[in-house]
Amino acid sequence: MISSESFKQVLIDALNLEDMTPDDIENDAPLFGDDGLGLDSVDSIELVLAIEKEYGVKITDSTLYETIFASVKNLLAYINDNKK
């Protein structure tokens, strides 16, 4: 099981969020939009690639993207549920 703290560090490293620490990222905060991390479409591609590389988890069902990428908590749950 991947911890929230280690996953947040992967997010920070993969997306070059240089001024952030895992403590700065709330589990329920949205990943996209102005209310959360403020990620954009380019960030989403980088994030998908980082998840595949780091955890071996592929996100293939695009109909689930909105739910999976809604928050750190949702994305981490998906990774933990689908990790090999």
PDB file of N, CA and C in Angstrom:
ATOM      1  N   MET A   1       0.843  -1.180   0.000  1.00  0.00           N
ATOM      2  CA  MET A   1       0.000   0.000   0.000  1.00  0.00           C
ATOM      3  C   MET A   1       0.891   1.247   0.000  1.00  0.00           C
ATOM      4  N   ILE A   2       0.626   2.123  -0.925  1.00  0.00           N
ATOM      5  CA  ILE A   2       1.402   3.358  -1.061  1.00  0.00           C
ATOM      6  C   ILE A   2       0.850   4.386  -0.085  1.00  0.00           C
ATOM      7  N   SER A   3       1.741   5.014   0.656  1.00  0.00           N
ATOM      8  CA  SER A   3       1.299   6.024   1.619  1.00  0.00           C
ATOM      9  C   SER A   3       1.017   7.345   0.911  1.00  0.00           C
ATOM     10  N   SER A   4       0.189   8.122   1.543  1.00  0.00           N
ATOM     11  CA  SER A   4      -0.163   9.429   1.017  1.00  0.00           C
ATOM     12  C   SER A   4       1.076  10.315   0.896  1.00  0.00           C
ATOM     13  N   GLU A   5       1.923  10.275   1.902  1.00  0.00           N
ATOM     14  CA  GLU A   5       3.120  11.123   1.901  1.00  0.00           C
ATOM     15  C   GLU A   5       4.053  10.771   0.752  1.00  0.00           C
ATOM     16  N   SER A   6       4.308   9.475   0.534  1.00  0.00           N
ATOM     17  CA  SER A   6       5.223   9.095  -0.546  1.00  0.00           C
ATOM     18  C   SER A   6       4.623   9.408  -1.908  1.00  0.00           C
ATOM     19  N   PHE A   7       3.311   9.239  -2.048  1.00  0.00           N
ATOM     20  CA  PHE A   7       2.662   9.565  -3.310  1.00  0.00           C
ATOM     21  C   PHE A   7       2.724  11.066  -3.581  1.00  0.00           C
ATOM     22  N   LYS A   8       2.507  11.859  -2.574  1.00  0.00           N
ATOM     23  CA  LYS A   8       2.590  13.313  -2.753  1.00  0.00           C
ATOM     24  C   LYS A   8       3.993  13.728  -3.186  1.00  0.00           C
ATOM     25  N   GLN A   9       5.006  13.044  -2.679  1.00  0.00           N
ATOM     26  CA  GLN A   9       6.374  13.360  -3.087  1.00  0.00           C
ATOM     27  C   GLN A   9       6.590  13.007  -4.560  1.00  0.00           C
ATOM     28  N   VAL A  10       6.000  11.907  -5.010  1.00  0.00           N
ATOM     29  CA  VAL A  10       6.074  11.548  -6.429  1.00  0.00           C
ATOM     30  C   VAL A  10       5.404  12.630  -7.270  1.00  0.00           C
ATOM     31  N   LEU A  11       4.252  13.128  -6.819  1.00  0.00           N
ATOM     32  CA  LEU A  11       3.566  14.220  -7.522  1.00  0.00           C
ATOM     33  C   LEU A  11       4.476  15.440  -7.635  1.00  0.00           C
ATOM     34  N   ILE A  12       5.076  15.810  -6.532  1.00  0.00           N
ATOM     35  CA  ILE A  12       5.943  16.986  -6.493  1.00  0.00           C
ATOM     36  C   ILE A  12       7.115  16.817  -7.455  1.00  0.00           C
ATOM     37  N   ASP A  13       7.741  15.650  -7.422  1.00  0.00           N
ATOM     38  CA  ASP A  13       8.900  15.401  -8.283  1.00  0.00           C
ATOM     39  C   ASP A  13       8.516  15.336  -9.754  1.00  0.00           C
ATOM     40  N   ALA A  14       7.439  14.627 -10.058  1.00  0.00           N
ATOM     41  CA  ALA A  14       7.028  14.432 -11.452  1.00  0.00           C
ATOM     42  C   ALA A  14       6.561  15.725 -12.104  1.00  0.00           C
ATOM     43  N   LEU A  15       5.938  16.592 -11.323  1.00  0.00           N
ATOM     44  CA  LEU A  15       5.365  17.822 -11.869  1.00  0.00           C
ATOM     45  C   LEU A  15       6.215  19.056 -11.577  1.00  0.00           C
ATOM     46  N   ASN A  16       7.392  18.830 -11.006  1.00  0.00           N
ATOM     47  CA  ASN A  16       8.314  19.933 -10.687  1.00  0.00           C
ATOM     48  C   ASN A  16       7.650  21.026  -9.851  1.00  0.00           C
ATOM     49  N   LEU A  17       6.942  20.607  -8.816  1.00  0.00           N
ATOM     50  CA  LEU A  17       6.296  21.551  -7.900  1.00  0.00           C
ATOM     51  C   LEU A  17       7.322  21.936  -6.828  1.00  0.00           C
ATOM     52  N   GLU A  18       8.311  22.699  -7.241  1.00  0.00           N
ATOM     53  CA  GLU A  18       9.507  22.950  -6.446  1.00  0.00           C
ATOM     54  C   GLU A  18       9.259  23.614  -5.095  1.00  0.00           C
ATOM     55  N   ASP A  19       8.269  24.451  -5.005  1.00  0.00           N
ATOM     56  CA  ASP A  19       8.035  25.184  -3.766  1.00  0.00           C
ATOM     57  C   ASP A  19       7.077  24.476  -2.822  1.00  0.00           C
ATOM     58  N   MET A  20       6.763  23.207  -3.098  1.00  0.00           N
ATOM     59  CA  MET A  20       5.791  22.485  -2.279  1.00  0.00           C
ATOM     60  C   MET A  20       6.437  21.323  -1.551  1.00  0.00           C
ATOM     61  N   THR A  21       5.812  20.985  -0.428  1.00  0.00           N
ATOM     62  CA  THR A  21       6.183  19.787   0.314  1.00  0.00           C
ATOM     63  C   THR A  21       4.929  18.912   0.403  1.00  0.00           C
ATOM     64  N   PRO A  22       5.073  17.634   0.747  1.00  0.00           N
ATOM     65  CA  PRO A  22       3.875  16.794   0.890  1.00  0.00           C
ATOM     66  C   PRO A  22       2.854  17.377   1.866  1.00  0.00           C
ATOM     67  N   ASP A  23       3.316  18.070   2.891  1.00  0.00           N
ATOM     68  CA  ASP A  23       2.394  18.663   3.863  1.00  0.00           C
ATOM     69  C   ASP A  23       1.550  19.787   3.267  1.00  0.00           C
ATOM     70  N   ASP A  24       2.021  20.381   2.175  1.00  0.00           N
ATOM     71  CA  ASP A  24       1.289  21.475   1.530  1.00  0.00           C
ATOM     72  C   ASP A  24       0.101  20.983   0.703  1.00  0.00           C
ATOM     73  N   ILE A  25       0.074  19.689   0.413  1.00  0.00           N
ATOM     74  CA  ILE A  25      -0.961  19.133  -0.464  1.00  0.00           C
ATOM     75  C   ILE A  25      -2.014  18.427   0.386  1.00  0.00           C
ATOM     76  N   GLU A  26      -3.243  18.922   0.298  1.00  0.00           N
ATOM     77  CA  GLU A  26      -4.344  18.308   1.042  1.00  0.00           C
ATOM     78  C   GLU A  26      -4.879  17.103   0.265  1.00  0.00           C
ATOM     79  N   ASN A  27      -5.237  16.061   0.978  1.00  0.00           N
ATOM     80  CA  ASN A  27      -5.723  14.834   0.343  1.00  0.00           C
ATOM     81  C   ASN A  27      -6.994  15.047  -0.463  1.00  0.00           C
ATOM     82  N   ASP A  28      -7.869  15.932  -0.001  1.00  0.00           N
ATOM     83  CA  ASP A  28      -9.153  16.142  -0.666  1.00  0.00           C
ATOM     84  C   ASP A  28      -9.157  17.315  -1.638  1.00  0.00           C
ATOM     85  N   ALA A  29      -8.053  18.010  -1.746  1.00  0.00           N
ATOM     86  CA  ALA A  29      -7.990  19.160  -2.650  1.00  0.00           C
ATOM     87  C   ALA A  29      -8.041  18.687  -4.103  1.00  0.00           C
ATOM     88  N   PRO A  30      -8.727  19.424  -4.947  1.00  0.00           N
ATOM     89  CA  PRO A  30      -8.778  19.059  -6.365  1.00  0.00           C
ATOM     90  C   PRO A  30      -7.381  19.157  -6.995  1.00  0.00           C
ATOM     91  N   LEU A  31      -7.096  18.261  -7.923  1.00  0.00           N
ATOM     92  CA  LEU A  31      -5.813  18.322  -8.618  1.00  0.00           C
ATOM     93  C   LEU A  31      -5.817  19.410  -9.687  1.00  0.00           C
ATOM     94  N   PHE A  32      -6.975  19.622 -10.308  1.00  0.00           N
ATOM     95  CA  PHE A  32      -7.087  20.575 -11.403  1.00  0.00           C
ATOM     96  C   PHE A  32      -7.968  21.744 -10.989  1.00  0.00           C
ATOM     97  N   GLY A  33      -7.759  22.885 -11.619  1.00  0.00           N
ATOM     98  CA  GLY A  33      -8.548  24.072 -11.316  1.00  0.00           C
ATOM     99  C   GLY A  33      -7.878  24.950 -10.286  1.00  0.00           C
ATOM    100  N   ASP A  34      -8.486  26.079 -10.045  1.00  0.00           N
ATOM    101  CA  ASP A  34      -7.905  27.089  -9.176  1.00  0.00           C
ATOM    102  C   ASP A  34      -7.984  26.760  -7.688  1.00  0.00           C
ATOM    103  N   ASP A  35      -8.867  25.835  -7.306  1.00  0.00           N
ATOM    104  CA  ASP A  35      -9.067  25.542  -5.889  1.00  0.00           C
ATOM    105  C   ASP A  35      -8.059  24.549  -5.317  1.00  0.00           C
ATOM    106  N   GLY A  36      -7.332  23.856  -6.158  1.00  0.00           N
ATOM    107  CA  GLY A  36      -6.409  22.838  -5.679  1.00  0.00           C
ATOM    108  C   GLY A  36      -4.992  23.102  -6.122  1.00  0.00           C
ATOM    109  N   LEU A  37      -4.380  22.081  -6.698  1.00  0.00           N
ATOM    110  CA  LEU A  37      -3.001  22.210  -7.158  1.00  0.00           C
ATOM    111  C   LEU A  37      -2.889  23.039  -8.433  1.00  0.00           C
ATOM    112  N   GLY A  38      -3.993  23.212  -9.127  1.00  0.00           N
ATOM    113  CA  GLY A  38      -3.985  24.037 -10.331  1.00  0.00           C
ATOM    114  C   GLY A  38      -3.308  23.386 -11.520  1.00  0.00           C
ATOM    115  N   LEU A  39      -3.375  22.058 -11.597  1.00  0.00           N
ATOM    116  CA  LEU A  39      -2.757  21.360 -12.707  1.00  0.00           C
ATOM    117  C   LEU A  39      -3.530  21.622 -13.998  1.00  0.00           C
ATOM    118  N   ASP A  40      -2.834  21.465 -15.123  1.00  0.00           N
ATOM    119  CA  ASP A  40      -3.484  21.648 -16.421  1.00  0.00           C
ATOM    120  C   ASP A  40      -3.350  20.371 -17.252  1.00  0.00           C
ATOM    121  N   SER A  41      -3.751  20.432 -18.518  1.00  0.00           N
ATOM    122  CA  SER A  41      -3.772  19.230 -19.355  1.00  0.00           C
ATOM    123  C   SER A  41      -2.369  18.661 -19.589  1.00  0.00           C
ATOM    124  N   VAL A  42      -1.372  19.515 -19.715  1.00  0.00           N
ATOM    125  CA  VAL A  42      -0.001  19.029 -19.880  1.00  0.00           C
ATOM    126  C   VAL A  42       0.442  18.300 -18.611  1.00  0.00           C
ATOM    127  N   ASP A  43       0.093  18.858 -17.461  1.00  0.00           N
ATOM    128  CA  ASP A  43       0.409  18.197 -16.191  1.00  0.00           C
ATOM    129  C   ASP A  43      -0.254  16.831 -16.103  1.00  0.00           C
ATOM    130  N   SER A  44      -1.473  16.713 -16.623  1.00  0.00           N
ATOM    131  CA  SER A  44      -2.177  15.430 -16.543  1.00  0.00           C
ATOM    132  C   SER A  44      -1.439  14.353 -17.336  1.00  0.00           C
ATOM    133  N   ILE A  45      -0.888  14.723 -18.479  1.00  0.00           N
ATOM    134  CA  ILE A  45      -0.122  13.757 -19.272  1.00  0.00           C
ATOM    135  C   ILE A  45       1.129  13.337 -18.506  1.00  0.00           C
ATOM    136  N   GLU A  46       1.833  14.294 -17.951  1.00  0.00           N
ATOM    137  CA  GLU A  46       3.030  13.988 -17.169  1.00  0.00           C
ATOM    138  C   GLU A  46       2.697  13.120 -15.966  1.00  0.00           C
ATOM    139  N   LEU A  47       1.571  13.392 -15.338  1.00  0.00           N
ATOM    140  CA  LEU A  47       1.146  12.634 -14.168  1.00  0.00           C
ATOM    141  C   LEU A  47       0.816  11.186 -14.534  1.00  0.00           C
ATOM    142  N   VAL A  48       0.104  10.990 -15.625  1.00  0.00           N
ATOM    143  CA  VAL A  48      -0.227   9.631 -16.084  1.00  0.00           C
ATOM    144  C   VAL A  48       1.052   8.848 -16.373  1.00  0.00           C
ATOM    145  N   LEU A  49       2.001   9.486 -17.046  1.00  0.00           N
ATOM    146  CA  LEU A  49       3.267   8.818 -17.351  1.00  0.00           C
ATOM    147  C   LEU A  49       4.047   8.488 -16.082  1.00  0.00           C
ATOM    148  N   ALA A  50       4.050   9.393 -15.116  1.00  0.00           N
ATOM    149  CA  ALA A  50       4.756   9.155 -13.852  1.00  0.00           C
ATOM    150  C   ALA A  50       4.126   8.003 -13.077  1.00  0.00           C
ATOM    151  N   ILE A  51       2.809   7.914 -13.090  1.00  0.00           N
ATOM    152  CA  ILE A  51       2.102   6.829 -12.391  1.00  0.00           C
ATOM    153  C   ILE A  51       2.426   5.485 -13.045  1.00  0.00           C
ATOM    154  N   GLU A  52       2.441   5.466 -14.370  1.00  0.00           N
ATOM    155  CA  GLU A  52       2.787   4.224 -15.074  1.00  0.00           C
ATOM    156  C   GLU A  52       4.217   3.803 -14.764  1.00  0.00           C
ATOM    157  N   LYS A  53       5.134   4.758 -14.783  1.00  0.00           N
ATOM    158  CA  LYS A  53       6.548   4.456 -14.548  1.00  0.00           C
ATOM    159  C   LYS A  53       6.803   4.050 -13.097  1.00  0.00           C
ATOM    160  N   GLU A  54       6.270   4.814 -12.162  1.00  0.00           N
ATOM    161  CA  GLU A  54       6.547   4.602 -10.740  1.00  0.00           C
ATOM    162  C   GLU A  54       5.829   3.394 -10.156  1.00  0.00           C
ATOM    163  N   TYR A  55       4.563   3.196 -10.568  1.00  0.00           N
ATOM    164  CA  TYR A  55       3.735   2.177  -9.932  1.00  0.00           C
ATOM    165  C   TYR A  55       3.269   1.064 -10.864  1.00  0.00           C
ATOM    166  N   GLY A  56       3.505   1.196 -12.168  1.00  0.00           N
ATOM    167  CA  GLY A  56       3.068   0.186 -13.116  1.00  0.00           C
ATOM    168  C   GLY A  56       1.563   0.150 -13.295  1.00  0.00           C
ATOM    169  N   VAL A  57       0.897   1.258 -12.997  1.00  0.00           N
ATOM    170  CA  VAL A  57      -0.561   1.334 -13.106  1.00  0.00           C
ATOM    171  C   VAL A  57      -0.921   2.160 -14.331  1.00  0.00           C
ATOM    172  N   LYS A  58      -1.742   1.572 -15.198  1.00  0.00           N
ATOM    173  CA  LYS A  58      -2.217   2.281 -16.384  1.00  0.00           C
ATOM    174  C   LYS A  58      -3.665   2.701 -16.156  1.00  0.00           C
ATOM    175  N   ILE A  59      -3.973   3.890 -16.594  1.00  0.00           N
ATOM    176  CA  ILE A  59      -5.335   4.405 -16.496  1.00  0.00           C
ATOM    177  C   ILE A  59      -5.875   4.417 -17.922  1.00  0.00           C
ATOM    178  N   THR A  60      -6.633   3.393 -18.258  1.00  0.00           N
ATOM    179  CA  THR A  60      -7.061   3.203 -19.637  1.00  0.00           C
ATOM    180  C   THR A  60      -8.500   3.621 -19.914  1.00  0.00           C
ATOM    181  N   ASP A  61      -9.323   3.683 -18.902  1.00  0.00           N
ATOM    182  CA  ASP A  61     -10.738   4.019 -19.094  1.00  0.00           C
ATOM    183  C   ASP A  61     -10.926   5.524 -18.946  1.00  0.00           C
ATOM    184  N   SER A  62     -10.993   6.223 -20.065  1.00  0.00           N
ATOM    185  CA  SER A  62     -11.090   7.683 -20.028  1.00  0.00           C
ATOM    186  C   SER A  62     -12.392   8.173 -19.409  1.00  0.00           C
ATOM    187  N   THR A  63     -13.411   7.320 -19.338  1.00  0.00           N
ATOM    188  CA  THR A  63     -14.671   7.741 -18.720  1.00  0.00           C
ATOM    189  C   THR A  63     -14.521   7.902 -17.210  1.00  0.00           C
ATOM    190  N   LEU A  64     -13.463   7.311 -16.654  1.00  0.00           N
ATOM    191  CA  LEU A  64     -13.229   7.412 -15.210  1.00  0.00           C
ATOM    192  C   LEU A  64     -12.265   8.535 -14.830  1.00  0.00           C
ATOM    193  N   TYR A  65     -11.679   9.204 -15.815  1.00  0.00           N
ATOM    194  CA  TYR A  65     -10.663  10.231 -15.534  1.00  0.00           C
ATOM    195  C   TYR A  65     -11.144  11.282 -14.537  1.00  0.00           C
ATOM    196  N   GLU A  66     -12.344  11.782 -14.762  1.00  0.00           N
ATOM    197  CA  GLU A  66     -12.847  12.860 -13.900  1.00  0.00           C
ATOM    198  C   GLU A  66     -12.921  12.419 -12.441  1.00  0.00           C
ATOM    199  N   THR A  67     -13.336  11.193 -12.207  1.00  0.00           N
ATOM    200  CA  THR A  67     -13.423  10.663 -10.849  1.00  0.00           C
ATOM    201  C   THR A  67     -12.045  10.354 -10.284  1.00  0.00           C
ATOM    202  N   ILE A  68     -11.222   9.680 -11.062  1.00  0.00           N
ATOM    203  CA  ILE A  68      -9.890   9.279 -10.591  1.00  0.00           C
ATOM    204  C   ILE A  68      -9.044  10.499 -10.260  1.00  0.00           C
ATOM    205  N   PHE A  69      -9.073  11.498 -11.129  1.00  0.00           N
ATOM    206  CA  PHE A  69      -8.229  12.677 -10.952  1.00  0.00           C
ATOM    207  C   PHE A  69      -8.911  13.806 -10.182  1.00  0.00           C
ATOM    208  N   ALA A  70      -9.982  13.502  -9.487  1.00  0.00           N
ATOM    209  CA  ALA A  70     -10.691  14.534  -8.725  1.00  0.00           C
ATOM    210  C   ALA A  70      -9.863  15.050  -7.556  1.00  0.00           C
ATOM    211  N   SER A  71      -9.068  14.178  -6.946  1.00  0.00           N
ATOM    212  CA  SER A  71      -8.278  14.580  -5.779  1.00  0.00           C
ATOM    213  C   SER A  71      -7.108  13.621  -5.591  1.00  0.00           C
ATOM    214  N   VAL A  72      -6.182  14.011  -4.752  1.00  0.00           N
ATOM    215  CA  VAL A  72      -5.061  13.129  -4.404  1.00  0.00           C
ATOM    216  C   VAL A  72      -5.595  11.831  -3.815  1.00  0.00           C
ATOM    217  N   LYS A  73      -6.591  11.948  -2.956  1.00  0.00           N
ATOM    218  CA  LYS A  73      -7.174  10.769  -2.300  1.00  0.00           C
ATOM    219  C   LYS A  73      -7.740   9.785  -3.320  1.00  0.00           C
ATOM    220  N   ASN A  74      -8.497  10.284  -4.291  1.00  0.00           N
ATOM    221  CA  ASN A  74      -9.086   9.413  -5.312  1.00  0.00           C
ATOM    222  C   ASN A  74      -8.011   8.763  -6.177  1.00  0.00           C
ATOM    223  N   LEU A  75      -7.026   9.536  -6.583  1.00  0.00           N
ATOM    224  CA  LEU A  75      -5.973   9.009  -7.431  1.00  0.00           C
ATOM    225  C   LEU A  75      -5.147   7.962  -6.686  1.00  0.00           C
ATOM    226  N   LEU A  76      -4.839   8.234  -5.443  1.00  0.00           N
ATOM    227  CA  LEU A  76      -4.079   7.278  -4.647  1.00  0.00           C
ATOM    228  C   LEU A  76      -4.875   5.992  -4.425  1.00  0.00           C
ATOM    229  N   ALA A  77      -6.167   6.100  -4.184  1.00  0.00           N
ATOM    230  CA  ALA A  77      -7.012   4.919  -4.024  1.00  0.00           C
ATOM    231  C   ALA A  77      -7.019   4.082  -5.296  1.00  0.00           C
ATOM    232  N   TYR A  78      -7.118   4.743  -6.446  1.00  0.00           N
ATOM    233  CA  TYR A  78      -7.100   4.021  -7.715  1.00  0.00           C
ATOM    234  C   TYR A  78      -5.773   3.283  -7.899  1.00  0.00           C
ATOM    235  N   ILE A  79      -4.677   3.954  -7.605  1.00  0.00           N
ATOM    236  CA  ILE A  79      -3.351   3.335  -7.757  1.00  0.00           C
ATOM    237  C   ILE A  79      -3.230   2.135  -6.821  1.00  0.00           C
ATOM    238  N   ASN A  80      -3.607   2.311  -5.570  1.00  0.00           N
ATOM    239  CA  ASN A  80      -3.506   1.205  -4.610  1.00  0.00           C
ATOM    240  C   ASN A  80      -4.401   0.034  -5.007  1.00  0.00           C
ATOM    241  N   ASP A  81      -5.569   0.312  -5.556  1.00  0.00           N
ATOM    242  CA  ASP A  81      -6.490  -0.759  -5.967  1.00  0.00           C
ATOM    243  C   ASP A  81      -6.012  -1.490  -7.225  1.00  0.00           C
ATOM    244  N   ASN A  82      -5.187  -0.832  -8.049  1.00  0.00           N
ATOM    245  CA  ASN A  82      -4.780  -1.409  -9.323  1.00  0.00           C
ATOM    246  C   ASN A  82      -3.301  -1.714  -9.442  1.00  0.00           C
ATOM    247  N   LYS A  83      -2.571  -1.513  -8.360  1.00  0.00           N
ATOM    248  CA  LYS A  83      -1.127  -1.782  -8.367  1.00  0.00           C
ATOM    249  C   LYS A  83      -0.884  -3.278  -8.432  1.00  0.00           C
ATOM    250  N   LYS A  84       0.089  -3.670  -9.227  1.00  0.00           N
ATOM    251  CA  LYS A  84       0.394  -5.094  -9.403  1.00  0.00           C
ATOM    252  C   LYS A  84       1.193  -5.622  -8.248  1.00  0.00           C
TER     253      LYS A  84
END
